[in-house]
PDB file of N, CA and C in Angstrom:
ATOM      1  N   MET A   1      47.639   7.299 -58.780  1.00  0.00           N
ATOM      2  CA  MET A   1      46.775   7.381 -57.606  1.00  0.00           C
ATOM      3  C   MET A   1      46.824   8.780 -56.995  1.00  0.00           C
ATOM      4  N   THR A   2      47.829   9.569 -57.247  1.00  0.00           N
ATOM      5  CA  THR A   2      47.899  10.901 -56.653  1.00  0.00           C
ATOM      6  C   THR A   2      46.773  11.805 -57.131  1.00  0.00           C
ATOM      7  N   THR A   3      46.109  11.464 -58.238  1.00  0.00           N
ATOM      8  CA  THR A   3      44.977  12.269 -58.682  1.00  0.00           C
ATOM      9  C   THR A   3      43.767  12.069 -57.785  1.00  0.00           C
ATOM     10  N   ALA A   4      43.806  11.111 -56.899  1.00  0.00           N
ATOM     11  CA  ALA A   4      42.694  10.886 -55.974  1.00  0.00           C
ATOM     12  C   ALA A   4      42.577  12.011 -54.953  1.00  0.00           C
ATOM     13  N   ILE A   5      43.662  12.739 -54.718  1.00  0.00           N
ATOM     14  CA  ILE A   5      43.665  13.841 -53.753  1.00  0.00           C
ATOM     15  C   ILE A   5      44.306  15.069 -54.379  1.00  0.00           C
ATOM     16  N   ASP A   6      43.629  16.193 -54.240  1.00  0.00           N
ATOM     17  CA  ASP A   6      44.189  17.470 -54.657  1.00  0.00           C
ATOM     18  C   ASP A   6      44.870  18.078 -53.431  1.00  0.00           C
ATOM     19  N   ARG A   7      46.178  17.930 -53.374  1.00  0.00           N
ATOM     20  CA  ARG A   7      46.964  18.381 -52.221  1.00  0.00           C
ATOM     21  C   ARG A   7      46.774  19.875 -51.949  1.00  0.00           C
ATOM     22  N   ALA A   8      46.511  20.659 -52.984  1.00  0.00           N
ATOM     23  CA  ALA A   8      46.333  22.102 -52.812  1.00  0.00           C
ATOM     24  C   ALA A   8      45.174  22.415 -51.863  1.00  0.00           C
ATOM     25  N   VAL A   9      44.143  21.588 -51.878  1.00  0.00           N
ATOM     26  CA  VAL A   9      43.007  21.788 -50.972  1.00  0.00           C
ATOM     27  C   VAL A   9      43.464  21.666 -49.521  1.00  0.00           C
ATOM     28  N   LEU A  10      44.276  20.665 -49.248  1.00  0.00           N
ATOM     29  CA  LEU A  10      44.778  20.460 -47.884  1.00  0.00           C
ATOM     30  C   LEU A  10      45.742  21.571 -47.485  1.00  0.00           C
ATOM     31  N   ASP A  11      46.590  21.986 -48.408  1.00  0.00           N
ATOM     32  CA  ASP A  11      47.525  23.076 -48.112  1.00  0.00           C
ATOM     33  C   ASP A  11      46.790  24.374 -47.816  1.00  0.00           C
ATOM     34  N   GLU A  12      45.705  24.624 -48.556  1.00  0.00           N
ATOM     35  CA  GLU A  12      44.900  25.815 -48.315  1.00  0.00           C
ATOM     36  C   GLU A  12      44.246  25.746 -46.935  1.00  0.00           C
ATOM     37  N   MET A  13      43.800  24.554 -46.556  1.00  0.00           N
ATOM     38  CA  MET A  13      43.202  24.380 -45.236  1.00  0.00           C
ATOM     39  C   MET A  13      44.239  24.657 -44.153  1.00  0.00           C
ATOM     40  N   VAL A  14      45.463  24.167 -44.331  1.00  0.00           N
ATOM     41  CA  VAL A  14      46.537  24.419 -43.369  1.00  0.00           C
ATOM     42  C   VAL A  14      46.772  25.922 -43.255  1.00  0.00           C
ATOM     43  N   GLU A  15      46.798  26.590 -44.378  1.00  0.00           N
ATOM     44  CA  GLU A  15      47.013  28.042 -44.377  1.00  0.00           C
ATOM     45  C   GLU A  15      45.890  28.757 -43.628  1.00  0.00           C
ATOM     46  N   MET A  16      44.654  28.340 -43.866  1.00  0.00           N
ATOM     47  CA  MET A  16      43.508  28.945 -43.173  1.00  0.00           C
ATOM     48  C   MET A  16      43.571  28.701 -41.663  1.00  0.00           C
ATOM     49  N   MET A  17      44.209  27.603 -41.272  1.00  0.00           N
ATOM     50  CA  MET A  17      44.332  27.260 -39.849  1.00  0.00           C
ATOM     51  C   MET A  17      45.605  27.835 -39.236  1.00  0.00           C
ATOM     52  N   GLY A  18      46.219  28.778 -39.921  1.00  0.00           N
ATOM     53  CA  GLY A  18      47.411  29.424 -39.389  1.00  0.00           C
ATOM     54  C   GLY A  18      48.611  28.507 -39.333  1.00  0.00           C
ATOM     55  N   GLY A  19      48.660  27.535 -40.235  1.00  0.00           N
ATOM     56  CA  GLY A  19      49.792  26.612 -40.294  1.00  0.00           C
ATOM     57  C   GLY A  19      49.695  25.439 -39.331  1.00  0.00           C
ATOM     58  N   MET A  20      48.585  25.317 -38.652  1.00  0.00           N
ATOM     59  CA  MET A  20      48.427  24.234 -37.671  1.00  0.00           C
ATOM     60  C   MET A  20      48.002  22.943 -38.369  1.00  0.00           C
ATOM     61  N   THR A  21      48.988  22.162 -38.758  1.00  0.00           N
ATOM     62  CA  THR A  21      48.692  20.917 -39.463  1.00  0.00           C
ATOM     63  C   THR A  21      47.960  19.922 -38.574  1.00  0.00           C
ATOM     64  N   GLU A  22      48.064  20.082 -37.274  1.00  0.00           N
ATOM     65  CA  GLU A  22      47.392  19.155 -36.361  1.00  0.00           C
ATOM     66  C   GLU A  22      45.876  19.204 -36.541  1.00  0.00           C
ATOM     67  N   ILE A  23      45.351  20.403 -36.813  1.00  0.00           N
ATOM     68  CA  ILE A  23      43.909  20.532 -37.021  1.00  0.00           C
ATOM     69  C   ILE A  23      43.505  19.800 -38.301  1.00  0.00           C
ATOM     70  N   VAL A  24      44.299  19.958 -39.343  1.00  0.00           N
ATOM     71  CA  VAL A  24      44.014  19.266 -40.597  1.00  0.00           C
ATOM     72  C   VAL A  24      44.152  17.762 -40.398  1.00  0.00           C
ATOM     73  N   ASP A  25      45.126  17.346 -39.620  1.00  0.00           N
ATOM     74  CA  ASP A  25      45.264  15.920 -39.295  1.00  0.00           C
ATOM     75  C   ASP A  25      43.972  15.391 -38.662  1.00  0.00           C
ATOM     76  N   ASP A  26      43.407  16.162 -37.733  1.00  0.00           N
ATOM     77  CA  ASP A  26      42.167  15.752 -37.055  1.00  0.00           C
ATOM     78  C   ASP A  26      40.999  15.671 -38.036  1.00  0.00           C
ATOM     79  N   ILE A  27      40.914  16.648 -38.940  1.00  0.00           N
ATOM     80  CA  ILE A  27      39.839  16.656 -39.936  1.00  0.00           C
ATOM     81  C   ILE A  27      39.962  15.434 -40.847  1.00  0.00           C
ATOM     82  N   VAL A  28      41.170  15.161 -41.296  1.00  0.00           N
ATOM     83  CA  VAL A  28      41.409  14.002 -42.159  1.00  0.00           C
ATOM     84  C   VAL A  28      41.097  12.710 -41.410  1.00  0.00           C
ATOM     85  N   GLU A  29      41.509  12.617 -40.159  1.00  0.00           N
ATOM     86  CA  GLU A  29      41.241  11.412 -39.368  1.00  0.00           C
ATOM     87  C   GLU A  29      39.738  11.181 -39.210  1.00  0.00           C
ATOM     88  N   THR A  30      39.011  12.249 -38.940  1.00  0.00           N
ATOM     89  CA  THR A  30      37.554  12.137 -38.816  1.00  0.00           C
ATOM     90  C   THR A  30      36.942  11.676 -40.139  1.00  0.00           C
ATOM     91  N   TYR A  31      37.411  12.241 -41.229  1.00  0.00           N
ATOM     92  CA  TYR A  31      36.937  11.837 -42.555  1.00  0.00           C
ATOM     93  C   TYR A  31      37.183  10.338 -42.768  1.00  0.00           C
ATOM     94  N   LEU A  32      38.374   9.889 -42.452  1.00  0.00           N
ATOM     95  CA  LEU A  32      38.722   8.478 -42.658  1.00  0.00           C
ATOM     96  C   LEU A  32      37.907   7.551 -41.762  1.00  0.00           C
ATOM     97  N   GLN A  33      37.512   8.021 -40.603  1.00  0.00           N
ATOM     98  CA  GLN A  33      36.706   7.198 -39.692  1.00  0.00           C
ATOM     99  C   GLN A  33      35.236   7.147 -40.094  1.00  0.00           C
ATOM    100  N   GLU A  34      34.713   8.271 -40.580  1.00  0.00           N
ATOM    101  CA  GLU A  34      33.280   8.356 -40.835  1.00  0.00           C
ATOM    102  C   GLU A  34      32.865   7.986 -42.259  1.00  0.00           C
ATOM    103  N   THR A  35      33.754   8.114 -43.198  1.00  0.00           N
ATOM    104  CA  THR A  35      33.391   7.920 -44.599  1.00  0.00           C
ATOM    105  C   THR A  35      33.060   6.472 -44.975  1.00  0.00           C
ATOM    106  N   PRO A  36      33.699   5.462 -44.401  1.00  0.00           N
ATOM    107  CA  PRO A  36      33.329   4.095 -44.792  1.00  0.00           C
ATOM    108  C   PRO A  36      31.837   3.777 -44.625  1.00  0.00           C
ATOM    109  N   THR A  37      31.186   4.376 -43.652  1.00  0.00           N
ATOM    110  CA  THR A  37      29.753   4.156 -43.474  1.00  0.00           C
ATOM    111  C   THR A  37      28.973   4.734 -44.647  1.00  0.00           C
ATOM    112  N   LEU A  38      29.368   5.919 -45.101  1.00  0.00           N
ATOM    113  CA  LEU A  38      28.709   6.536 -46.252  1.00  0.00           C
ATOM    114  C   LEU A  38      28.918   5.686 -47.506  1.00  0.00           C
ATOM    115  N   VAL A  39      30.149   5.229 -47.690  1.00  0.00           N
ATOM    116  CA  VAL A  39      30.482   4.396 -48.850  1.00  0.00           C
ATOM    117  C   VAL A  39      29.651   3.113 -48.830  1.00  0.00           C
ATOM    118  N   ALA A  40      29.516   2.510 -47.665  1.00  0.00           N
ATOM    119  CA  ALA A  40      28.741   1.271 -47.537  1.00  0.00           C
ATOM    120  C   ALA A  40      27.262   1.513 -47.845  1.00  0.00           C
ATOM    121  N   THR A  41      26.737   2.635 -47.398  1.00  0.00           N
ATOM    122  CA  THR A  41      25.335   2.965 -47.672  1.00  0.00           C
ATOM    123  C   THR A  41      25.105   3.114 -49.168  1.00  0.00           C
ATOM    124  N   ILE A  42      26.028   3.791 -49.840  1.00  0.00           N
ATOM    125  CA  ILE A  42      25.903   3.971 -51.286  1.00  0.00           C
ATOM    126  C   ILE A  42      26.042   2.624 -51.998  1.00  0.00           C
ATOM    127  N   ALA A  43      27.016   1.826 -51.596  1.00  0.00           N
ATOM    128  CA  ALA A  43      27.237   0.527 -52.242  1.00  0.00           C
ATOM    129  C   ALA A  43      26.030  -0.393 -52.068  1.00  0.00           C
ATOM    130  N   ALA A  44      25.399  -0.346 -50.897  1.00  0.00           N
ATOM    131  CA  ALA A  44      24.249  -1.214 -50.639  1.00  0.00           C
ATOM    132  C   ALA A  44      23.063  -0.821 -51.514  1.00  0.00           C
ATOM    133  N   GLY A  45      22.866   0.472 -51.693  1.00  0.00           N
ATOM    134  CA  GLY A  45      21.780   0.938 -52.551  1.00  0.00           C
ATOM    135  C   GLY A  45      20.402   0.499 -52.111  1.00  0.00           C
ATOM    136  N   ASP A  46      20.211   0.313 -50.802  1.00  0.00           N
ATOM    137  CA  ASP A  46      18.939  -0.206 -50.298  1.00  0.00           C
ATOM    138  C   ASP A  46      17.773   0.765 -50.450  1.00  0.00           C
ATOM    139  N   SER A  47      18.055   2.046 -50.318  1.00  0.00           N
ATOM    140  CA  SER A  47      17.002   3.053 -50.372  1.00  0.00           C
ATOM    141  C   SER A  47      17.519   4.258 -51.142  1.00  0.00           C
ATOM    142  N   VAL A  48      16.732   4.737 -52.073  1.00  0.00           N
ATOM    143  CA  VAL A  48      17.152   5.897 -52.858  1.00  0.00           C
ATOM    144  C   VAL A  48      17.419   7.076 -51.937  1.00  0.00           C
ATOM    145  N   GLU A  49      16.562   7.281 -50.945  1.00  0.00           N
ATOM    146  CA  GLU A  49      16.735   8.416 -50.025  1.00  0.00           C
ATOM    147  C   GLU A  49      18.002   8.254 -49.184  1.00  0.00           C
ATOM    148  N   ASP A  50      18.280   7.050 -48.695  1.00  0.00           N
ATOM    149  CA  ASP A  50      19.514   6.823 -47.918  1.00  0.00           C
ATOM    150  C   ASP A  50      20.751   7.074 -48.787  1.00  0.00           C
ATOM    151  N   VAL A  51      20.695   6.607 -50.017  1.00  0.00           N
ATOM    152  CA  VAL A  51      21.817   6.819 -50.936  1.00  0.00           C
ATOM    153  C   VAL A  51      21.983   8.304 -51.229  1.00  0.00           C
ATOM    154  N   ARG A  52      20.877   9.000 -51.452  1.00  0.00           N
ATOM    155  CA  ARG A  52      20.944  10.434 -51.733  1.00  0.00           C
ATOM    156  C   ARG A  52      21.581  11.192 -50.572  1.00  0.00           C
ATOM    157  N   MET A  53      21.145  10.901 -49.351  1.00  0.00           N
ATOM    158  CA  MET A  53      21.703  11.597 -48.185  1.00  0.00           C
ATOM    159  C   MET A  53      23.180  11.258 -47.990  1.00  0.00           C
ATOM    160  N   ALA A  54      23.536   9.992 -48.163  1.00  0.00           N
ATOM    161  CA  ALA A  54      24.938   9.589 -48.024  1.00  0.00           C
ATOM    162  C   ALA A  54      25.793  10.243 -49.107  1.00  0.00           C
ATOM    163  N   ALA A  55      25.273  10.296 -50.321  1.00  0.00           N
ATOM    164  CA  ALA A  55      26.019  10.906 -51.422  1.00  0.00           C
ATOM    165  C   ALA A  55      26.201  12.405 -51.187  1.00  0.00           C
ATOM    166  N   HIS A  56      25.185  13.051 -50.665  1.00  0.00           N
ATOM    167  CA  HIS A  56      25.287  14.487 -50.367  1.00  0.00           C
ATOM    168  C   HIS A  56      26.391  14.750 -49.345  1.00  0.00           C
ATOM    169  N   THR A  57      26.406  13.978 -48.280  1.00  0.00           N
ATOM    170  CA  THR A  57      27.425  14.140 -47.244  1.00  0.00           C
ATOM    171  C   THR A  57      28.800  13.788 -47.784  1.00  0.00           C
ATOM    172  N   LEU A  58      28.880  12.705 -48.543  1.00  0.00           N
ATOM    173  CA  LEU A  58      30.154  12.280 -49.127  1.00  0.00           C
ATOM    174  C   LEU A  58      30.703  13.338 -50.071  1.00  0.00           C
ATOM    175  N   LYS A  59      29.843  13.945 -50.849  1.00  0.00           N
ATOM    176  CA  LYS A  59      30.253  14.987 -51.796  1.00  0.00           C
ATOM    177  C   LYS A  59      30.976  16.114 -51.053  1.00  0.00           C
ATOM    178  N   SER A  60      30.338  16.633 -50.048  1.00  0.00           N
ATOM    179  CA  SER A  60      30.893  17.776 -49.316  1.00  0.00           C
ATOM    180  C   SER A  60      32.150  17.419 -48.544  1.00  0.00           C
ATOM    181  N   SER A  61      32.089  16.330 -47.816  1.00  0.00           N
ATOM    182  CA  SER A  61      33.235  15.971 -46.976  1.00  0.00           C
ATOM    183  C   SER A  61      34.447  15.585 -47.821  1.00  0.00           C
ATOM    184  N   SER A  62      34.217  14.911 -48.928  1.00  0.00           N
ATOM    185  CA  SER A  62      35.331  14.503 -49.795  1.00  0.00           C
ATOM    186  C   SER A  62      36.006  15.720 -50.416  1.00  0.00           C
ATOM    187  N   ARG A  63      35.216  16.621 -50.910  1.00  0.00           N
ATOM    188  CA  ARG A  63      35.794  17.823 -51.518  1.00  0.00           C
ATOM    189  C   ARG A  63      36.553  18.650 -50.490  1.00  0.00           C
ATOM    190  N   SER A  64      36.101  18.639 -49.249  1.00  0.00           N
ATOM    191  CA  SER A  64      36.775  19.445 -48.225  1.00  0.00           C
ATOM    192  C   SER A  64      38.161  18.928 -47.881  1.00  0.00           C
ATOM    193  N   VAL A  65      38.423  17.634 -48.140  1.00  0.00           N
ATOM    194  CA  VAL A  65      39.757  17.083 -47.879  1.00  0.00           C
ATOM    195  C   VAL A  65      40.535  16.832 -49.168  1.00  0.00           C
ATOM    196  N   GLY A  66      40.043  17.358 -50.273  1.00  0.00           N
ATOM    197  CA  GLY A  66      40.768  17.248 -51.532  1.00  0.00           C
ATOM    198  C   GLY A  66      40.453  16.024 -52.364  1.00  0.00           C
ATOM    199  N   ALA A  67      39.509  15.210 -51.937  1.00  0.00           N
ATOM    200  CA  ALA A  67      39.121  14.027 -52.716  1.00  0.00           C
ATOM    201  C   ALA A  67      38.064  14.464 -53.734  1.00  0.00           C
ATOM    202  N   VAL A  68      38.491  15.289 -54.678  1.00  0.00           N
ATOM    203  CA  VAL A  68      37.591  15.938 -55.620  1.00  0.00           C
ATOM    204  C   VAL A  68      36.908  14.928 -56.538  1.00  0.00           C
ATOM    205  N   ALA A  69      37.641  13.961 -57.036  1.00  0.00           N
ATOM    206  CA  ALA A  69      37.043  12.959 -57.935  1.00  0.00           C
ATOM    207  C   ALA A  69      35.953  12.167 -57.212  1.00  0.00           C
ATOM    208  N   LEU A  70      36.191  11.816 -55.969  1.00  0.00           N
ATOM    209  CA  LEU A  70      35.181  11.111 -55.180  1.00  0.00           C
ATOM    210  C   LEU A  70      33.987  12.025 -54.938  1.00  0.00           C
ATOM    211  N   GLY A  71      34.245  13.271 -54.659  1.00  0.00           N
ATOM    212  CA  GLY A  71      33.164  14.234 -54.495  1.00  0.00           C
ATOM    213  C   GLY A  71      32.322  14.368 -55.749  1.00  0.00           C
ATOM    214  N   ASP A  72      32.978  14.326 -56.904  1.00  0.00           N
ATOM    215  CA  ASP A  72      32.258  14.416 -58.177  1.00  0.00           C
ATOM    216  C   ASP A  72      31.372  13.181 -58.405  1.00  0.00           C
ATOM    217  N   LEU A  73      31.888  12.006 -58.063  1.00  0.00           N
ATOM    218  CA  LEU A  73      31.072  10.784 -58.157  1.00  0.00           C
ATOM    219  C   LEU A  73      29.844  10.894 -57.260  1.00  0.00           C
ATOM    220  N   ALA A  74      30.077  11.365 -56.042  1.00  0.00           N
ATOM    221  CA  ALA A  74      28.976  11.501 -55.090  1.00  0.00           C
ATOM    222  C   ALA A  74      27.940  12.497 -55.597  1.00  0.00           C
ATOM    223  N   GLU A  75      28.397  13.582 -56.219  1.00  0.00           N
ATOM    224  CA  GLU A  75      27.452  14.561 -56.762  1.00  0.00           C
ATOM    225  C   GLU A  75      26.614  13.943 -57.882  1.00  0.00           C
ATOM    226  N   GLU A  76      27.244  13.160 -58.729  1.00  0.00           N
ATOM    227  CA  GLU A  76      26.510  12.483 -59.806  1.00  0.00           C
ATOM    228  C   GLU A  76      25.413  11.592 -59.231  1.00  0.00           C
ATOM    229  N   ILE A  77      25.756  10.852 -58.183  1.00  0.00           N
ATOM    230  CA  ILE A  77      24.792   9.952 -57.544  1.00  0.00           C
ATOM    231  C   ILE A  77      23.681  10.755 -56.864  1.00  0.00           C
ATOM    232  N   GLU A  78      24.061  11.793 -56.158  1.00  0.00           N
ATOM    233  CA  GLU A  78      23.063  12.628 -55.478  1.00  0.00           C
ATOM    234  C   GLU A  78      22.080  13.224 -56.482  1.00  0.00           C
ATOM    235  N   THR A  79      22.590  13.782 -57.560  1.00  0.00           N
ATOM    236  CA  THR A  79      21.743  14.419 -58.564  1.00  0.00           C
ATOM    237  C   THR A  79      20.779  13.411 -59.180  1.00  0.00           C
ATOM    238  N   ALA A  80      21.284  12.244 -59.551  1.00  0.00           N
ATOM    239  CA  ALA A  80      20.435  11.222 -60.160  1.00  0.00           C
ATOM    240  C   ALA A  80      19.383  10.713 -59.183  1.00  0.00           C
ATOM    241  N   SER A  81      19.752  10.591 -57.927  1.00  0.00           N
ATOM    242  CA  SER A  81      18.819  10.028 -56.944  1.00  0.00           C
ATOM    243  C   SER A  81      17.646  10.965 -56.671  1.00  0.00           C
ATOM    244  N   ARG A  82      17.807  12.237 -56.954  1.00  0.00           N
ATOM    245  CA  ARG A  82      16.688  13.175 -56.766  1.00  0.00           C
ATOM    246  C   ARG A  82      15.515  12.823 -57.672  1.00  0.00           C
ATOM    247  N   GLY A  83      15.800  12.127 -58.751  1.00  0.00           N
ATOM    248  CA  GLY A  83      14.740  11.691 -59.660  1.00  0.00           C
ATOM    249  C   GLY A  83      14.023  10.444 -59.180  1.00  0.00           C
ATOM    250  N   GLY A  84      14.457   9.895 -58.047  1.00  0.00           N
ATOM    251  CA  GLY A  84      13.780   8.743 -57.471  1.00  0.00           C
ATOM    252  C   GLY A  84      14.305   7.397 -57.928  1.00  0.00           C
ATOM    253  N   SER A  85      15.382   7.397 -58.695  1.00  0.00           N
ATOM    254  CA  SER A  85      15.937   6.142 -59.202  1.00  0.00           C
ATOM    255  C   SER A  85      17.460   6.179 -59.157  1.00  0.00           C
ATOM    256  N   LEU A  86      18.025   5.003 -59.021  1.00  0.00           N
ATOM    257  CA  LEU A  86      19.483   4.864 -59.036  1.00  0.00           C
ATOM    258  C   LEU A  86      19.958   4.114 -60.275  1.00  0.00           C
ATOM    259  N   ASP A  87      19.038   3.824 -61.175  1.00  0.00           N
ATOM    260  CA  ASP A  87      19.353   3.035 -62.360  1.00  0.00           C
ATOM    261  C   ASP A  87      20.455   3.644 -63.212  1.00  0.00           C
ATOM    262  N   ASP A  88      20.461   4.962 -63.340  1.00  0.00           N
ATOM    263  CA  ASP A  88      21.420   5.623 -64.226  1.00  0.00           C
ATOM    264  C   ASP A  88      22.805   5.801 -63.611  1.00  0.00           C
ATOM    265  N   VAL A  89      22.956   5.461 -62.337  1.00  0.00           N
ATOM    266  CA  VAL A  89      24.244   5.697 -61.678  1.00  0.00           C
ATOM    267  C   VAL A  89      24.854   4.433 -61.077  1.00  0.00           C
ATOM    268  N   ALA A  90      24.473   3.294 -61.597  1.00  0.00           N
ATOM    269  CA  ALA A  90      25.030   2.037 -61.076  1.00  0.00           C
ATOM    270  C   ALA A  90      26.548   2.008 -61.208  1.00  0.00           C
ATOM    271  N   ASP A  91      27.066   2.494 -62.334  1.00  0.00           N
ATOM    272  CA  ASP A  91      28.520   2.509 -62.524  1.00  0.00           C
ATOM    273  C   ASP A  91      29.189   3.456 -61.533  1.00  0.00           C
ATOM    274  N   ALA A  92      28.600   4.621 -61.319  1.00  0.00           N
ATOM    275  CA  ALA A  92      29.156   5.582 -60.361  1.00  0.00           C
ATOM    276  C   ALA A  92      29.117   5.001 -58.956  1.00  0.00           C
ATOM    277  N   MET A  93      28.026   4.335 -58.615  1.00  0.00           N
ATOM    278  CA  MET A  93      27.920   3.718 -57.289  1.00  0.00           C
ATOM    279  C   MET A  93      28.996   2.654 -57.104  1.00  0.00           C
ATOM    280  N   ALA A  94      29.245   1.867 -58.140  1.00  0.00           N
ATOM    281  CA  ALA A  94      30.272   0.827 -58.063  1.00  0.00           C
ATOM    282  C   ALA A  94      31.668   1.429 -57.967  1.00  0.00           C
ATOM    283  N   ALA A  95      31.859   2.637 -58.484  1.00  0.00           N
ATOM    284  CA  ALA A  95      33.172   3.288 -58.462  1.00  0.00           C
ATOM    285  C   ALA A  95      33.477   3.990 -57.144  1.00  0.00           C
ATOM    286  N   VAL A  96      32.481   4.196 -56.308  1.00  0.00           N
ATOM    287  CA  VAL A  96      32.686   4.936 -55.058  1.00  0.00           C
ATOM    288  C   VAL A  96      33.687   4.239 -54.145  1.00  0.00           C
ATOM    289  N   SER A  97      33.526   2.955 -53.919  1.00  0.00           N
ATOM    290  CA  SER A  97      34.408   2.248 -52.987  1.00  0.00           C
ATOM    291  C   SER A  97      35.871   2.260 -53.432  1.00  0.00           C
ATOM    292  N   PRO A  98      36.188   1.910 -54.678  1.00  0.00           N
ATOM    293  CA  PRO A  98      37.595   1.983 -55.078  1.00  0.00           C
ATOM    294  C   PRO A  98      38.142   3.411 -55.068  1.00  0.00           C
ATOM    295  N   SER A  99      37.297   4.374 -55.404  1.00  0.00           N
ATOM    296  CA  SER A  99      37.733   5.769 -55.370  1.00  0.00           C
ATOM    297  C   SER A  99      38.048   6.190 -53.931  1.00  0.00           C
ATOM    298  N   TYR A 100      37.198   5.770 -53.008  1.00  0.00           N
ATOM    299  CA  TYR A 100      37.469   6.067 -51.597  1.00  0.00           C
ATOM    300  C   TYR A 100      38.757   5.374 -51.143  1.00  0.00           C
ATOM    301  N   ASP A 101      38.938   4.127 -51.527  1.00  0.00           N
ATOM    302  CA  ASP A 101      40.153   3.399 -51.129  1.00  0.00           C
ATOM    303  C   ASP A 101      41.410   4.126 -51.596  1.00  0.00           C
ATOM    304  N   ASP A 102      41.396   4.624 -52.833  1.00  0.00           N
ATOM    305  CA  ASP A 102      42.537   5.379 -53.358  1.00  0.00           C
ATOM    306  C   ASP A 102      42.770   6.653 -52.542  1.00  0.00           C
ATOM    307  N   ALA A 103      41.684   7.374 -52.276  1.00  0.00           N
ATOM    308  CA  ALA A 103      41.795   8.618 -51.511  1.00  0.00           C
ATOM    309  C   ALA A 103      42.271   8.342 -50.086  1.00  0.00           C
ATOM    310  N   ALA A 104      41.713   7.325 -49.458  1.00  0.00           N
ATOM    311  CA  ALA A 104      42.072   7.012 -48.075  1.00  0.00           C
ATOM    312  C   ALA A 104      43.539   6.613 -47.946  1.00  0.00           C
ATOM    313  N   ALA A 105      44.039   5.865 -48.927  1.00  0.00           N
ATOM    314  CA  ALA A 105      45.445   5.458 -48.895  1.00  0.00           C
ATOM    315  C   ALA A 105      46.362   6.679 -48.901  1.00  0.00           C
ATOM    316  N   LEU A 106      45.996   7.678 -49.682  1.00  0.00           N
ATOM    317  CA  LEU A 106      46.809   8.899 -49.744  1.00  0.00           C
ATOM    318  C   LEU A 106      46.606   9.764 -48.506  1.00  0.00           C
ATOM    319  N   LEU A 107      45.379   9.872 -48.054  1.00  0.00           N
ATOM    320  CA  LEU A 107      45.106  10.729 -46.902  1.00  0.00           C
ATOM    321  C   LEU A 107      45.742  10.209 -45.621  1.00  0.00           C
ATOM    322  N   ALA A 108      45.960   8.917 -45.544  1.00  0.00           N
ATOM    323  CA  ALA A 108      46.589   8.346 -44.351  1.00  0.00           C
ATOM    324  C   ALA A 108      47.938   8.991 -44.069  1.00  0.00           C
ATOM    325  N   ASP A 109      48.601   9.454 -45.123  1.00  0.00           N
ATOM    326  CA  ASP A 109      49.872  10.162 -44.978  1.00  0.00           C
ATOM    327  C   ASP A 109      49.864  11.360 -45.930  1.00  0.00           C
ATOM    328  N   TRP A 110      48.891  12.231 -45.756  1.00  0.00           N
ATOM    329  CA  TRP A 110      48.641  13.305 -46.721  1.00  0.00           C
ATOM    330  C   TRP A 110      49.807  14.269 -46.897  1.00  0.00           C
ATOM    331  N   LYS A 111      50.643  14.401 -45.880  1.00  0.00           N
ATOM    332  CA  LYS A 111      51.772  15.350 -45.991  1.00  0.00           C
ATOM    333  C   LYS A 111      52.826  14.873 -47.001  1.00  0.00           C
ATOM    334  N   SER A 112      52.778  13.599 -47.351  1.00  0.00           N
ATOM    335  CA  SER A 112      53.750  13.087 -48.319  1.00  0.00           C
ATOM    336  C   SER A 112      53.234  13.134 -49.765  1.00  0.00           C
ATOM    337  N   ILE A 113      52.007  13.597 -49.963  1.00  0.00           N
ATOM    338  CA  ILE A 113      51.460  13.709 -51.318  1.00  0.00           C
ATOM    339  C   ILE A 113      52.244  14.806 -52.041  1.00  0.00           C
ATOM    340  N   PRO A 114      52.732  14.521 -53.226  1.00  0.00           N
ATOM    341  CA  PRO A 114      53.469  15.549 -53.972  1.00  0.00           C
ATOM    342  C   PRO A 114      52.596  16.775 -54.224  1.00  0.00           C
ATOM    343  N   VAL A 115      53.238  17.912 -54.126  1.00  0.00           N
ATOM    344  CA  VAL A 115      52.515  19.171 -54.337  1.00  0.00           C
ATOM    345  C   VAL A 115      52.392  19.450 -55.809  1.00  0.00           C
TER     346      VAL A 115
END
């Protein structure tokens, strides 16, 4: 499960913030609060445009907190949805929720993730 988060991304963010882990804590907390809505939108698949927008946001926000694999899934979904269909990414859409769950479990205590 440790592959769900690239700890180096978080460490780099801490370094950019002058060692203030509290700021990174806030960023991670915001991610954990806001991301379930994006995941639910993708899982529902009600509208190609809604899924595309949610996947775009999920891609960026996930990568910013080190959830690179989740970001990659979101990019796959975003790219496919630009064609107007979600048919080719049903498996990726189904993988988003478990991938988020893995990432969220680690991010809840991100300082304990092995470097």
